């Protein structure tokens, strides 16, 4: 599965953490959500957001639900210095962080 529009690219994660694990990446050179929200144009933000929604819908994740994750910085486990979000679903997802 690969989805692409003017503003975003989506593809399956090579190390999936759930039965469905897709990355959605804006095409602009943004390193984090803060960077994206501060520097992206309104069209880029809208196009990226709509791409995320389109991917979730096309994968049938709206029901029963999915998790949307954006890691920022080393403490979050961000491995690639380019803003992206993870869509995870396809099973009941447990807690993110243990106490």
PDB file of N, CA and C in Angstrom:
ATOM      1  N   UNK A   1       0.848  -1.179   0.000  1.00  0.00           N
ATOM      2  CA  UNK A   1       0.000   0.000   0.000  1.00  0.00           C
ATOM      3  C   UNK A   1       0.884   1.228   0.000  1.00  0.00           C
ATOM      4  N   UNK A   2       0.653   2.074  -0.941  1.00  0.00           N
ATOM      5  CA  UNK A   2       1.350   3.353  -1.009  1.00  0.00           C
ATOM      6  C   UNK A   2       0.342   4.372  -1.511  1.00  0.00           C
ATOM      7  N   UNK A   3       0.213   5.466  -0.779  1.00  0.00           N
ATOM      8  CA  UNK A   3      -0.711   6.534  -1.155  1.00  0.00           C
ATOM      9  C   UNK A   3       0.109   7.813  -1.223  1.00  0.00           C
ATOM     10  N   UNK A   4      -0.135   8.593  -2.252  1.00  0.00           N
ATOM     11  CA  UNK A   4       0.605   9.843  -2.395  1.00  0.00           C
ATOM     12  C   UNK A   4      -0.320  10.905  -2.959  1.00  0.00           C
ATOM     13  N   UNK A   5      -0.182  12.123  -2.419  1.00  0.00           N
ATOM     14  CA  UNK A   5      -0.852  13.272  -3.004  1.00  0.00           C
ATOM     15  C   UNK A   5       0.159  14.403  -3.082  1.00  0.00           C
ATOM     16  N   UNK A   6      -0.298  15.588  -3.373  1.00  0.00           N
ATOM     17  CA  UNK A   6       0.600  16.732  -3.522  1.00  0.00           C
ATOM     18  C   UNK A   6       1.368  17.039  -2.231  1.00  0.00           C
ATOM     19  N   UNK A   7       0.777  16.699  -1.079  1.00  0.00           N
ATOM     20  CA  UNK A   7       1.339  17.129   0.201  1.00  0.00           C
ATOM     21  C   UNK A   7       1.924  16.017   1.062  1.00  0.00           C
ATOM     22  N   UNK A   8       1.576  14.770   0.787  1.00  0.00           N
ATOM     23  CA  UNK A   8       1.972  13.690   1.691  1.00  0.00           C
ATOM     24  C   UNK A   8       2.213  12.382   0.957  1.00  0.00           C
ATOM     25  N   UNK A   9       2.950  11.507   1.633  1.00  0.00           N
ATOM     26  CA  UNK A   9       3.230  10.163   1.166  1.00  0.00           C
ATOM     27  C   UNK A   9       2.936   9.212   2.313  1.00  0.00           C
ATOM     28  N   UNK A  10       2.258   8.103   2.032  1.00  0.00           N
ATOM     29  CA  UNK A  10       1.932   7.108   3.059  1.00  0.00           C
ATOM     30  C   UNK A  10       2.357   5.731   2.577  1.00  0.00           C
ATOM     31  N   UNK A  11       2.926   4.952   3.503  1.00  0.00           N
ATOM     32  CA  UNK A  11       3.353   3.592   3.170  1.00  0.00           C
ATOM     33  C   UNK A  11       3.457   2.773   4.448  1.00  0.00           C
ATOM     34  N   UNK A  12       3.453   1.446   4.301  1.00  0.00           N
ATOM     35  CA  UNK A  12       3.539   0.548   5.451  1.00  0.00           C
ATOM     36  C   UNK A  12       4.909   0.670   6.116  1.00  0.00           C
ATOM     37  N   UNK A  13       4.910   0.648   7.443  1.00  0.00           N
ATOM     38  CA  UNK A  13       6.151   0.667   8.223  1.00  0.00           C
ATOM     39  C   UNK A  13       6.900  -0.645   8.000  1.00  0.00           C
ATOM     40  N   UNK A  14       8.232  -0.588   7.900  1.00  0.00           N
ATOM     41  CA  UNK A  14       9.014  -1.808   7.672  1.00  0.00           C
ATOM     42  C   UNK A  14       9.176  -2.644   8.947  1.00  0.00           C
ATOM     43  N   UNK A  15       8.876  -2.058  10.106  1.00  0.00           N
ATOM     44  CA  UNK A  15       8.918  -2.786  11.366  1.00  0.00           C
ATOM     45  C   UNK A  15       7.607  -2.617  12.106  1.00  0.00           C
ATOM     46  N   UNK A  16       6.511  -3.196  11.586  1.00  0.00           N
ATOM     47  CA  UNK A  16       5.182  -2.921  12.144  1.00  0.00           C
ATOM     48  C   UNK A  16       5.032  -3.321  13.607  1.00  0.00           C
ATOM     49  N   UNK A  17       4.312  -2.479  14.356  1.00  0.00           N
ATOM     50  CA  UNK A  17       4.009  -2.711  15.766  1.00  0.00           C
ATOM     51  C   UNK A  17       2.556  -3.126  15.971  1.00  0.00           C
ATOM     52  N   UNK A  18       1.812  -3.259  14.893  1.00  0.00           N
ATOM     53  CA  UNK A  18       0.405  -3.677  14.913  1.00  0.00           C
ATOM     54  C   UNK A  18       0.107  -4.282  13.543  1.00  0.00           C
ATOM     55  N   UNK A  19      -1.008  -5.009  13.407  1.00  0.00           N
ATOM     56  CA  UNK A  19      -1.346  -5.587  12.094  1.00  0.00           C
ATOM     57  C   UNK A  19      -1.400  -4.547  10.975  1.00  0.00           C
ATOM     58  N   UNK A  20      -1.861  -3.351  11.296  1.00  0.00           N
ATOM     59  CA  UNK A  20      -1.815  -2.235  10.347  1.00  0.00           C
ATOM     60  C   UNK A  20      -0.915  -1.174  10.966  1.00  0.00           C
ATOM     61  N   UNK A  21       0.159  -0.829  10.269  1.00  0.00           N
ATOM     62  CA  UNK A  21       1.089   0.200  10.753  1.00  0.00           C
ATOM     63  C   UNK A  21       1.597   0.950   9.529  1.00  0.00           C
ATOM     64  N   UNK A  22       1.078   2.160   9.358  1.00  0.00           N
ATOM     65  CA  UNK A  22       1.373   2.975   8.186  1.00  0.00           C
ATOM     66  C   UNK A  22       1.998   4.291   8.632  1.00  0.00           C
ATOM     67  N   UNK A  23       2.994   4.747   7.899  1.00  0.00           N
ATOM     68  CA  UNK A  23       3.592   6.064   8.119  1.00  0.00           C
ATOM     69  C   UNK A  23       2.985   7.036   7.121  1.00  0.00           C
ATOM     70  N   UNK A  24       2.686   8.241   7.588  1.00  0.00           N
ATOM     71  CA  UNK A  24       2.240   9.320   6.700  1.00  0.00           C
ATOM     72  C   UNK A  24       3.219  10.471   6.911  1.00  0.00           C
ATOM     73  N   UNK A  25       3.822  10.906   5.811  1.00  0.00           N
ATOM     74  CA  UNK A  25       4.922  11.870   5.862  1.00  0.00           C
ATOM     75  C   UNK A  25       4.586  13.079   4.996  1.00  0.00           C
ATOM     76  N   UNK A  26       4.717  14.293   5.550  1.00  0.00           N
ATOM     77  CA  UNK A  26       4.540  15.459   4.676  1.00  0.00           C
ATOM     78  C   UNK A  26       5.731  15.565   3.729  1.00  0.00           C
ATOM     79  N   UNK A  27       5.518  16.102   2.561  1.00  0.00           N
ATOM     80  CA  UNK A  27       6.585  16.198   1.570  1.00  0.00           C
ATOM     81  C   UNK A  27       7.567  17.333   1.843  1.00  0.00           C
ATOM     82  N   UNK A  28       7.177  18.297   2.653  1.00  0.00           N
ATOM     83  CA  UNK A  28       8.091  19.390   2.983  1.00  0.00           C
ATOM     84  C   UNK A  28       9.153  18.949   3.975  1.00  0.00           C
ATOM     85  N   UNK A  29      10.231  19.726   4.100  1.00  0.00           N
ATOM     86  CA  UNK A  29      11.370  19.365   4.949  1.00  0.00           C
ATOM     87  C   UNK A  29      11.177  19.762   6.418  1.00  0.00           C
ATOM     88  N   UNK A  30      10.309  19.063   7.125  1.00  0.00           N
ATOM     89  CA  UNK A  30       9.992  19.410   8.511  1.00  0.00           C
ATOM     90  C   UNK A  30      10.546  18.341   9.438  1.00  0.00           C
ATOM     91  N   UNK A  31      11.168  18.754  10.538  1.00  0.00           N
ATOM     92  CA  UNK A  31      11.801  17.796  11.445  1.00  0.00           C
ATOM     93  C   UNK A  31      10.906  17.372  12.594  1.00  0.00           C
ATOM     94  N   UNK A  32       9.865  18.139  12.891  1.00  0.00           N
ATOM     95  CA  UNK A  32       8.998  17.824  14.026  1.00  0.00           C
ATOM     96  C   UNK A  32       7.619  18.441  13.803  1.00  0.00           C
ATOM     97  N   UNK A  33       6.686  18.093  14.682  1.00  0.00           N
ATOM     98  CA  UNK A  33       5.364  18.696  14.602  1.00  0.00           C
ATOM     99  C   UNK A  33       5.444  20.201  14.833  1.00  0.00           C
ATOM    100  N   UNK A  34       6.263  20.625  15.776  1.00  0.00           N
ATOM    101  CA  UNK A  34       6.410  22.064  16.044  1.00  0.00           C
ATOM    102  C   UNK A  34       6.913  22.772  14.791  1.00  0.00           C
ATOM    103  N   UNK A  35       7.917  22.194  14.143  1.00  0.00           N
ATOM    104  CA  UNK A  35       8.459  22.772  12.915  1.00  0.00           C
ATOM    105  C   UNK A  35       7.389  22.823  11.824  1.00  0.00           C
ATOM    106  N   UNK A  36       6.665  21.716  11.648  1.00  0.00           N
ATOM    107  CA  UNK A  36       5.602  21.649  10.646  1.00  0.00           C
ATOM    108  C   UNK A  36       4.515  22.677  10.925  1.00  0.00           C
ATOM    109  N   UNK A  37       4.046  22.735  12.172  1.00  0.00           N
ATOM    110  CA  UNK A  37       2.947  23.653  12.496  1.00  0.00           C
ATOM    111  C   UNK A  37       3.367  25.115  12.383  1.00  0.00           C
ATOM    112  N   UNK A  38       4.654  25.404  12.562  1.00  0.00           N
ATOM    113  CA  UNK A  38       5.136  26.788  12.489  1.00  0.00           C
ATOM    114  C   UNK A  38       5.465  27.223  11.059  1.00  0.00           C
ATOM    115  N   UNK A  39       5.981  26.318  10.235  1.00  0.00           N
ATOM    116  CA  UNK A  39       6.498  26.727   8.928  1.00  0.00           C
ATOM    117  C   UNK A  39       5.680  26.278   7.726  1.00  0.00           C
ATOM    118  N   UNK A  40       4.875  25.244   7.866  1.00  0.00           N
ATOM    119  CA  UNK A  40       4.107  24.754   6.716  1.00  0.00           C
ATOM    120  C   UNK A  40       3.005  25.747   6.354  1.00  0.00           C
ATOM    121  N   UNK A  41       2.703  25.788   5.070  1.00  0.00           N
ATOM    122  CA  UNK A  41       1.610  26.653   4.622  1.00  0.00           C
ATOM    123  C   UNK A  41       0.276  26.048   5.052  1.00  0.00           C
ATOM    124  N   UNK A  42      -0.760  26.872   5.014  1.00  0.00           N
ATOM    125  CA  UNK A  42      -2.104  26.371   5.332  1.00  0.00           C
ATOM    126  C   UNK A  42      -2.485  25.225   4.398  1.00  0.00           C
ATOM    127  N   UNK A  43      -2.110  25.325   3.117  1.00  0.00           N
ATOM    128  CA  UNK A  43      -2.415  24.260   2.162  1.00  0.00           C
ATOM    129  C   UNK A  43      -1.693  22.965   2.520  1.00  0.00           C
ATOM    130  N   UNK A  44      -0.420  23.081   2.954  1.00  0.00           N
ATOM    131  CA  UNK A  44       0.329  21.886   3.350  1.00  0.00           C
ATOM    132  C   UNK A  44      -0.297  21.218   4.578  1.00  0.00           C
ATOM    133  N   UNK A  45      -0.655  22.013   5.562  1.00  0.00           N
ATOM    134  CA  UNK A  45      -1.255  21.473   6.782  1.00  0.00           C
ATOM    135  C   UNK A  45      -2.585  20.798   6.464  1.00  0.00           C
ATOM    136  N   UNK A  46      -3.409  21.468   5.681  1.00  0.00           N
ATOM    137  CA  UNK A  46      -4.702  20.893   5.299  1.00  0.00           C
ATOM    138  C   UNK A  46      -4.510  19.633   4.468  1.00  0.00           C
ATOM    139  N   UNK A  47      -3.630  19.674   3.483  1.00  0.00           N
ATOM    140  CA  UNK A  47      -3.395  18.521   2.621  1.00  0.00           C
ATOM    141  C   UNK A  47      -2.861  17.323   3.384  1.00  0.00           C
ATOM    142  N   UNK A  48      -1.943  17.560   4.311  1.00  0.00           N
ATOM    143  CA  UNK A  48      -1.387  16.479   5.121  1.00  0.00           C
ATOM    144  C   UNK A  48      -2.462  15.885   6.025  1.00  0.00           C
ATOM    145  N   UNK A  49      -3.210  16.747   6.694  1.00  0.00           N
ATOM    146  CA  UNK A  49      -4.259  16.279   7.601  1.00  0.00           C
ATOM    147  C   UNK A  49      -5.298  15.459   6.851  1.00  0.00           C
ATOM    148  N   UNK A  50      -5.696  15.925   5.687  1.00  0.00           N
ATOM    149  CA  UNK A  50      -6.670  15.175   4.885  1.00  0.00           C
ATOM    150  C   UNK A  50      -6.089  13.857   4.391  1.00  0.00           C
ATOM    151  N   UNK A  51      -4.795  13.832   4.095  1.00  0.00           N
ATOM    152  CA  UNK A  51      -4.159  12.581   3.679  1.00  0.00           C
ATOM    153  C   UNK A  51      -4.198  11.556   4.810  1.00  0.00           C
ATOM    154  N   UNK A  52      -3.928  11.987   6.039  1.00  0.00           N
ATOM    155  CA  UNK A  52      -3.993  11.080   7.188  1.00  0.00           C
ATOM    156  C   UNK A  52      -5.402  10.506   7.316  1.00  0.00           C
ATOM    157  N   UNK A  53      -6.411  11.357   7.229  1.00  0.00           N
ATOM    158  CA  UNK A  53      -7.796  10.898   7.306  1.00  0.00           C
ATOM    159  C   UNK A  53      -8.157   9.951   6.177  1.00  0.00           C
ATOM    160  N   UNK A  54      -7.687  10.255   4.979  1.00  0.00           N
ATOM    161  CA  UNK A  54      -7.965   9.399   3.823  1.00  0.00           C
ATOM    162  C   UNK A  54      -7.351   8.012   4.008  1.00  0.00           C
ATOM    163  N   UNK A  55      -6.112   7.968   4.476  1.00  0.00           N
ATOM    164  CA  UNK A  55      -5.438   6.679   4.681  1.00  0.00           C
ATOM    165  C   UNK A  55      -6.176   5.870   5.736  1.00  0.00           C
ATOM    166  N   UNK A  56      -6.527   6.497   6.864  1.00  0.00           N
ATOM    167  CA  UNK A  56      -7.257   5.783   7.919  1.00  0.00           C
ATOM    168  C   UNK A  56      -8.569   5.219   7.389  1.00  0.00           C
ATOM    169  N   UNK A  57      -9.282   6.007   6.620  1.00  0.00           N
ATOM    170  CA  UNK A  57     -10.558   5.561   6.059  1.00  0.00           C
ATOM    171  C   UNK A  57     -10.356   4.444   5.046  1.00  0.00           C
ATOM    172  N   UNK A  58      -9.390   4.607   4.157  1.00  0.00           N
ATOM    173  CA  UNK A  58      -9.174   3.606   3.114  1.00  0.00           C
ATOM    174  C   UNK A  58      -8.714   2.264   3.680  1.00  0.00           C
ATOM    175  N   UNK A  59      -8.085   2.279   4.853  1.00  0.00           N
ATOM    176  CA  UNK A  59      -7.655   1.038   5.499  1.00  0.00           C
ATOM    177  C   UNK A  59      -8.720   0.454   6.426  1.00  0.00           C
ATOM    178  N   UNK A  60      -9.874   1.117   6.508  1.00  0.00           N
ATOM    179  CA  UNK A  60     -10.968   0.624   7.347  1.00  0.00           C
ATOM    180  C   UNK A  60     -10.695   0.744   8.834  1.00  0.00           C
ATOM    181  N   UNK A  61      -9.922   1.756   9.228  1.00  0.00           N
ATOM    182  CA  UNK A  61      -9.534   1.901  10.631  1.00  0.00           C
ATOM    183  C   UNK A  61     -10.481   2.764  11.461  1.00  0.00           C
ATOM    184  N   UNK A  62     -11.379   3.488  10.818  1.00  0.00           N
ATOM    185  CA  UNK A  62     -12.255   4.384  11.596  1.00  0.00           C
ATOM    186  C   UNK A  62     -13.089   3.621  12.608  1.00  0.00           C
ATOM    187  N   UNK A  63     -13.564   2.461  12.230  1.00  0.00           N
ATOM    188  CA  UNK A  63     -14.278   1.565  13.145  1.00  0.00           C
ATOM    189  C   UNK A  63     -13.557   0.236  13.101  1.00  0.00           C
ATOM    190  N   UNK A  64     -13.059  -0.262  14.139  1.00  0.00           N
ATOM    191  CA  UNK A  64     -13.296   0.039  15.540  1.00  0.00           C
ATOM    192  C   UNK A  64     -12.351   1.086  16.137  1.00  0.00           C
ATOM    193  N   UNK A  65     -11.391   1.598  15.376  1.00  0.00           N
ATOM    194  CA  UNK A  65     -10.519   2.652  15.883  1.00  0.00           C
ATOM    195  C   UNK A  65      -9.057   2.393  15.566  1.00  0.00           C
ATOM    196  N   UNK A  66      -8.261   3.407  15.813  1.00  0.00           N
ATOM    197  CA  UNK A  66      -6.828   3.327  15.539  1.00  0.00           C
ATOM    198  C   UNK A  66      -6.094   4.304  16.439  1.00  0.00           C
ATOM    199  N   UNK A  67      -4.788   4.187  16.436  1.00  0.00           N
ATOM    200  CA  UNK A  67      -3.936   5.107  17.199  1.00  0.00           C
ATOM    201  C   UNK A  67      -3.135   5.932  16.199  1.00  0.00           C
ATOM    202  N   UNK A  68      -3.032   7.227  16.466  1.00  0.00           N
ATOM    203  CA  UNK A  68      -2.249   8.155  15.651  1.00  0.00           C
ATOM    204  C   UNK A  68      -1.126   8.673  16.539  1.00  0.00           C
ATOM    205  N   UNK A  69       0.124   8.426  16.140  1.00  0.00           N
ATOM    206  CA  UNK A  69       1.282   8.787  16.960  1.00  0.00           C
ATOM    207  C   UNK A  69       2.247   9.629  16.141  1.00  0.00           C
ATOM    208  N   UNK A  70       2.743  10.693  16.757  1.00  0.00           N
ATOM    209  CA  UNK A  70       3.826  11.480  16.188  1.00  0.00           C
ATOM    210  C   UNK A  70       4.936  11.589  17.218  1.00  0.00           C
ATOM    211  N   UNK A  71       6.068  10.938  16.973  1.00  0.00           N
ATOM    212  CA  UNK A  71       7.199  10.997  17.888  1.00  0.00           C
ATOM    213  C   UNK A  71       8.033  12.240  17.598  1.00  0.00           C
ATOM    214  N   UNK A  72       8.467  12.921  18.667  1.00  0.00           N
ATOM    215  CA  UNK A  72       9.269  14.125  18.509  1.00  0.00           C
ATOM    216  C   UNK A  72      10.465  14.046  19.445  1.00  0.00           C
ATOM    217  N   UNK A  73      11.657  13.963  18.871  1.00  0.00           N
ATOM    218  CA  UNK A  73      12.883  13.972  19.650  1.00  0.00           C
ATOM    219  C   UNK A  73      13.304  12.609  20.179  1.00  0.00           C
ATOM    220  N   UNK A  74      14.521  12.542  20.701  1.00  0.00           N
ATOM    221  CA  UNK A  74      15.087  11.262  21.130  1.00  0.00           C
ATOM    222  C   UNK A  74      14.346  10.604  22.296  1.00  0.00           C
ATOM    223  N   UNK A  75      13.801  11.370  23.217  1.00  0.00           N
ATOM    224  CA  UNK A  75      13.089  10.760  24.344  1.00  0.00           C
ATOM    225  C   UNK A  75      11.815  10.044  23.907  1.00  0.00           C
ATOM    226  N   UNK A  76      11.286  10.388  22.752  1.00  0.00           N
ATOM    227  CA  UNK A  76      10.055   9.746  22.257  1.00  0.00           C
ATOM    228  C   UNK A  76      10.356   8.509  21.430  1.00  0.00           C
ATOM    229  N   UNK A  77      11.605   8.345  21.046  1.00  0.00           N
ATOM    230  CA  UNK A  77      11.965   7.234  20.183  1.00  0.00           C
ATOM    231  C   UNK A  77      11.978   7.606  18.710  1.00  0.00           C
ATOM    232  N   UNK A  78      11.939   8.901  18.395  1.00  0.00           N
ATOM    233  CA  UNK A  78      11.985   9.322  16.990  1.00  0.00           C
ATOM    234  C   UNK A  78      13.305   8.865  16.387  1.00  0.00           C
ATOM    235  N   UNK A  79      13.232   8.070  15.317  1.00  0.00           N
ATOM    236  CA  UNK A  79      14.422   7.512  14.687  1.00  0.00           C
ATOM    237  C   UNK A  79      14.830   8.255  13.420  1.00  0.00           C
ATOM    238  N   UNK A  80      13.868   8.908  12.773  1.00  0.00           N
ATOM    239  CA  UNK A  80      14.133   9.611  11.522  1.00  0.00           C
ATOM    240  C   UNK A  80      13.874  11.094  11.749  1.00  0.00           C
ATOM    241  N   UNK A  81      14.829  11.971  11.430  1.00  0.00           N
ATOM    242  CA  UNK A  81      14.645  13.408  11.684  1.00  0.00           C
ATOM    243  C   UNK A  81      13.785  14.100  10.621  1.00  0.00           C
ATOM    244  N   UNK A  82      12.609  13.553  10.394  1.00  0.00           N
ATOM    245  CA  UNK A  82      11.630  14.152   9.481  1.00  0.00           C
ATOM    246  C   UNK A  82      10.259  13.885  10.088  1.00  0.00           C
ATOM    247  N   UNK A  83       9.452  14.940  10.221  1.00  0.00           N
ATOM    248  CA  UNK A  83       8.125  14.787  10.821  1.00  0.00           C
ATOM    249  C   UNK A  83       7.308  13.758  10.059  1.00  0.00           C
ATOM    250  N   UNK A  84       6.657  12.872  10.806  1.00  0.00           N
ATOM    251  CA  UNK A  84       5.740  11.892  10.246  1.00  0.00           C
ATOM    252  C   UNK A  84       4.839  11.393  11.364  1.00  0.00           C
ATOM    253  N   UNK A  85       3.738  10.786  10.981  1.00  0.00           N
ATOM    254  CA  UNK A  85       2.851  10.174  11.968  1.00  0.00           C
ATOM    255  C   UNK A  85       2.694   8.700  11.637  1.00  0.00           C
ATOM    256  N   UNK A  86       2.408   7.931  12.682  1.00  0.00           N
ATOM    257  CA  UNK A  86       2.150   6.508  12.562  1.00  0.00           C
ATOM    258  C   UNK A  86       0.660   6.285  12.761  1.00  0.00           C
ATOM    259  N   UNK A  87       0.042   5.500  11.888  1.00  0.00           N
ATOM    260  CA  UNK A  87      -1.328   5.017  12.058  1.00  0.00           C
ATOM    261  C   UNK A  87      -1.215   3.542  12.423  1.00  0.00           C
ATOM    262  N   UNK A  88      -1.725   3.177  13.595  1.00  0.00           N
ATOM    263  CA  UNK A  88      -1.685   1.785  14.037  1.00  0.00           C
ATOM    264  C   UNK A  88      -3.090   1.298  14.318  1.00  0.00           C
ATOM    265  N   UNK A  89      -3.389   0.084  13.886  1.00  0.00           N
ATOM    266  CA  UNK A  89      -4.695  -0.488  14.127  1.00  0.00           C
ATOM    267  C   UNK A  89      -4.733  -1.949  13.752  1.00  0.00           C
ATOM    268  N   UNK A  90      -5.927  -2.472  13.665  1.00  0.00           N
ATOM    269  CA  UNK A  90      -6.094  -3.863  13.287  1.00  0.00           C
ATOM    270  C   UNK A  90      -6.218  -4.829  14.454  1.00  0.00           C
ATOM    271  N   UNK A  91      -6.116  -4.310  15.664  1.00  0.00           N
ATOM    272  CA  UNK A  91      -6.297  -5.112  16.870  1.00  0.00           C
ATOM    273  C   UNK A  91      -6.491  -4.155  18.042  1.00  0.00           C
ATOM    274  N   UNK A  92      -6.877  -4.696  19.184  1.00  0.00           N
ATOM    275  CA  UNK A  92      -6.971  -3.895  20.394  1.00  0.00           C
ATOM    276  C   UNK A  92      -5.576  -3.467  20.792  1.00  0.00           C
ATOM    277  N   UNK A  93      -5.367  -2.169  20.966  1.00  0.00           N
ATOM    278  CA  UNK A  93      -4.042  -1.639  21.296  1.00  0.00           C
ATOM    279  C   UNK A  93      -3.962  -1.363  22.782  1.00  0.00           C
ATOM    280  N   UNK A  94      -2.884  -1.765  23.413  1.00  0.00           N
ATOM    281  CA  UNK A  94      -2.711  -1.585  24.848  1.00  0.00           C
ATOM    282  C   UNK A  94      -2.180  -0.213  25.200  1.00  0.00           C
ATOM    283  N   UNK A  95      -1.761  -0.061  26.447  1.00  0.00           N
ATOM    284  CA  UNK A  95      -1.241   1.196  26.956  1.00  0.00           C
ATOM    285  C   UNK A  95       0.065   1.549  26.234  1.00  0.00           C
ATOM    286  N   UNK A  96       0.317   2.842  26.072  1.00  0.00           N
ATOM    287  CA  UNK A  96       1.532   3.302  25.415  1.00  0.00           C
ATOM    288  C   UNK A  96       2.744   3.225  26.318  1.00  0.00           C
ATOM    289  N   UNK A  97       2.589   3.674  27.551  1.00  0.00           N
ATOM    290  CA  UNK A  97       3.736   3.797  28.433  1.00  0.00           C
ATOM    291  C   UNK A  97       3.413   3.129  29.763  1.00  0.00           C
ATOM    292  N   UNK A  98       4.325   2.354  30.259  1.00  0.00           N
ATOM    293  CA  UNK A  98       4.151   1.751  31.580  1.00  0.00           C
ATOM    294  C   UNK A  98       4.551   2.774  32.640  1.00  0.00           C
ATOM    295  N   UNK A  99       3.870   2.714  33.817  1.00  0.00           N
ATOM    296  CA  UNK A  99       4.237   3.670  34.879  1.00  0.00           C
ATOM    297  C   UNK A  99       5.610   3.431  35.426  1.00  0.00           C
TER     298      UNK A  99
END
